[in-house]
Amino acid sequence: MMDHIKSYHLYQYWDNNKLVYTKEVHWLADKLKCYWLIDEIGRVIFQKLLAGYFNSFYCIQLLVHADCTAVITVGNEYDHIYFEHKINWTDCPIVGEPISFYLCKSGKYYCLMLPSEY
C-alpha cells in the first residue's frame, strides 16, 4: 500500500487516511504520553494546511510553557510561519525546549516524522 516509502514502518492516522507517521513519532508520543499531539496535528493542523497552504514540506514545532500551556507553530523550511495553534493545557513533560517535526508529502500521503528521519 505505501511501498513508495520503503525504509520506514509507518502508522496510518486513524481519522485521516492521508496522514501517516513514523515509528519514531509513535515512540516519542508513547514515551511522553502525548498521543494528543498526533491527534492535534492530524485533526486540526493537517486540515488547516490542506485548506490554505499547498506545500509538500512543513515544519511543525511544539513548545510547552511552564504554566502548562503550549503553542504549535507551523511553517516552511525557510522559517516562514504560516500560523500558530495554542494549546490551553498539557501535561507534556518537556517544558521550554521545542519538539520539532517535519510533515512531508510523498505520493498521495503526508508523512509526519522527526527531523532526524528526514
Protein backbone atom coordinates (compact mmCIF):
# COMPACT_ATOMS: atom_id res chain seq x y z
CA MET A 1 0.00 0.00 0.00
CA MET A 2 2.72 2.51 0.94
CA ASP A 3 5.62 0.99 -0.95
CA HIS A 4 6.86 4.41 -2.12
CA ILE A 5 8.38 4.91 1.37
CA LYS A 6 10.32 1.69 1.77
CA SER A 7 12.64 2.43 4.70
CA TYR A 8 10.05 3.23 7.37
CA HIS A 9 7.48 1.36 9.37
CA LEU A 10 4.53 3.75 9.12
CA TYR A 11 1.36 4.14 11.12
CA GLN A 12 -1.73 5.45 9.39
CA TYR A 13 -3.55 8.10 11.37
CA TRP A 14 -6.92 6.69 12.37
CA ASP A 15 -9.05 9.71 11.44
CA ASN A 16 -7.35 10.76 8.23
CA ASN A 17 -6.15 8.26 5.64
CA LYS A 18 -3.81 10.82 4.02
CA LEU A 19 -1.67 11.18 7.14
CA VAL A 20 0.94 8.62 8.19
CA TYR A 21 3.63 8.87 10.85
CA THR A 22 6.85 7.07 11.54
CA LYS A 23 7.72 4.57 14.22
CA GLU A 24 9.90 7.22 15.89
CA VAL A 25 6.98 9.66 16.14
CA HIS A 26 4.92 6.84 17.63
CA TRP A 27 7.74 6.08 20.09
CA LEU A 28 8.00 9.76 21.10
CA ALA A 29 4.25 10.06 21.68
CA ASP A 30 4.33 6.90 23.78
CA LYS A 31 7.38 7.95 25.82
CA LEU A 32 5.99 11.43 26.54
CA LYS A 33 2.41 10.17 26.93
CA CYS A 34 1.29 12.75 24.39
CA TYR A 35 -0.72 10.92 21.75
CA TRP A 36 -2.92 14.00 21.89
CA LEU A 37 -0.20 15.74 19.87
CA ILE A 38 -0.65 13.33 16.95
CA ASP A 39 -4.41 13.91 17.24
CA GLU A 40 -3.94 17.69 17.27
CA ILE A 41 -1.72 17.52 14.19
CA GLY A 42 -4.00 15.05 12.42
CA ARG A 43 -7.35 16.65 13.17
CA VAL A 44 -6.59 20.39 13.41
CA ILE A 45 -3.19 21.28 11.96
CA PHE A 46 -3.36 18.97 8.93
CA GLN A 47 -6.84 20.19 7.98
CA LYS A 48 -5.70 23.83 8.17
CA LEU A 49 -2.70 23.06 5.99
CA LEU A 50 -4.74 21.34 3.30
CA ALA A 51 -7.32 24.12 3.32
CA GLY A 52 -4.91 27.03 2.97
CA TYR A 53 -1.33 26.01 2.22
CA PHE A 54 -0.27 23.83 -0.66
CA ASN A 55 3.31 22.88 0.02
CA SER A 56 4.91 19.47 0.13
CA PHE A 57 7.06 20.23 3.19
CA TYR A 58 6.08 21.74 6.56
CA CYS A 59 7.96 22.35 9.80
CA ILE A 60 5.90 21.81 12.94
CA GLN A 61 7.16 22.71 16.39
CA LEU A 62 5.62 22.21 19.83
CA LEU A 63 6.74 24.48 22.66
CA VAL A 64 5.37 23.82 26.15
CA HIS A 65 5.48 26.70 28.65
CA ALA A 66 5.99 26.48 32.41
CA ASP A 67 2.30 27.30 33.02
CA CYS A 68 1.30 24.07 31.16
CA THR A 69 0.10 25.94 28.08
CA ALA A 70 1.71 25.26 24.72
CA VAL A 71 1.86 26.51 21.17
CA ILE A 72 2.24 24.56 17.95
CA THR A 73 3.97 26.61 15.27
CA VAL A 74 3.63 25.64 11.63
CA GLY A 75 5.83 27.00 8.88
CA ASN A 76 8.04 26.13 5.96
CA GLU A 77 11.70 25.20 5.63
CA TYR A 78 12.66 28.87 5.28
CA ASP A 79 11.40 29.79 8.77
CA HIS A 80 8.29 31.46 7.40
CA ILE A 81 5.49 30.94 9.95
CA TYR A 82 2.07 30.08 8.50
CA PHE A 83 0.18 30.02 11.79
CA GLU A 84 0.33 29.21 15.48
CA HIS A 85 -2.10 26.95 17.29
CA LYS A 86 -2.49 27.44 21.05
CA ILE A 87 -2.97 24.58 23.48
CA ASN A 88 -4.73 25.65 26.70
CA TRP A 89 -3.31 22.85 28.85
CA THR A 90 -0.88 19.97 28.51
CA ASP A 91 0.97 17.60 30.76
CA CYS A 92 3.81 17.12 28.27
CA PRO A 93 6.96 16.74 30.40
CA ILE A 94 9.33 18.64 28.09
CA VAL A 95 9.00 22.29 29.09
CA GLY A 96 10.81 25.19 27.44
CA GLU A 97 12.55 23.07 24.80
CA PRO A 98 10.89 22.85 21.38
CA ILE A 99 9.96 19.48 19.90
CA SER A 100 10.20 19.58 16.11
CA PHE A 101 8.58 17.54 13.36
CA TYR A 102 8.53 17.57 9.60
CA LEU A 103 5.44 16.86 7.58
CA CYS A 104 6.36 15.86 4.03
CA LYS A 105 4.23 14.89 1.07
CA SER A 106 5.12 11.57 -0.52
CA GLY A 107 2.79 10.45 -3.26
CA LYS A 108 -0.77 10.70 -2.00
CA TYR A 109 0.30 10.65 1.67
CA TYR A 110 1.75 13.16 4.09
CA CYS A 111 4.31 11.66 6.46
CA LEU A 112 4.90 13.10 9.93
CA MET A 113 8.50 12.44 11.02
CA LEU A 114 11.21 13.67 13.33
CA PRO A 115 13.90 15.88 11.76
CA SER A 116 16.49 13.13 12.32
CA GLU A 117 14.47 10.88 9.98
CA TYR A 118 14.41 13.30 7.06
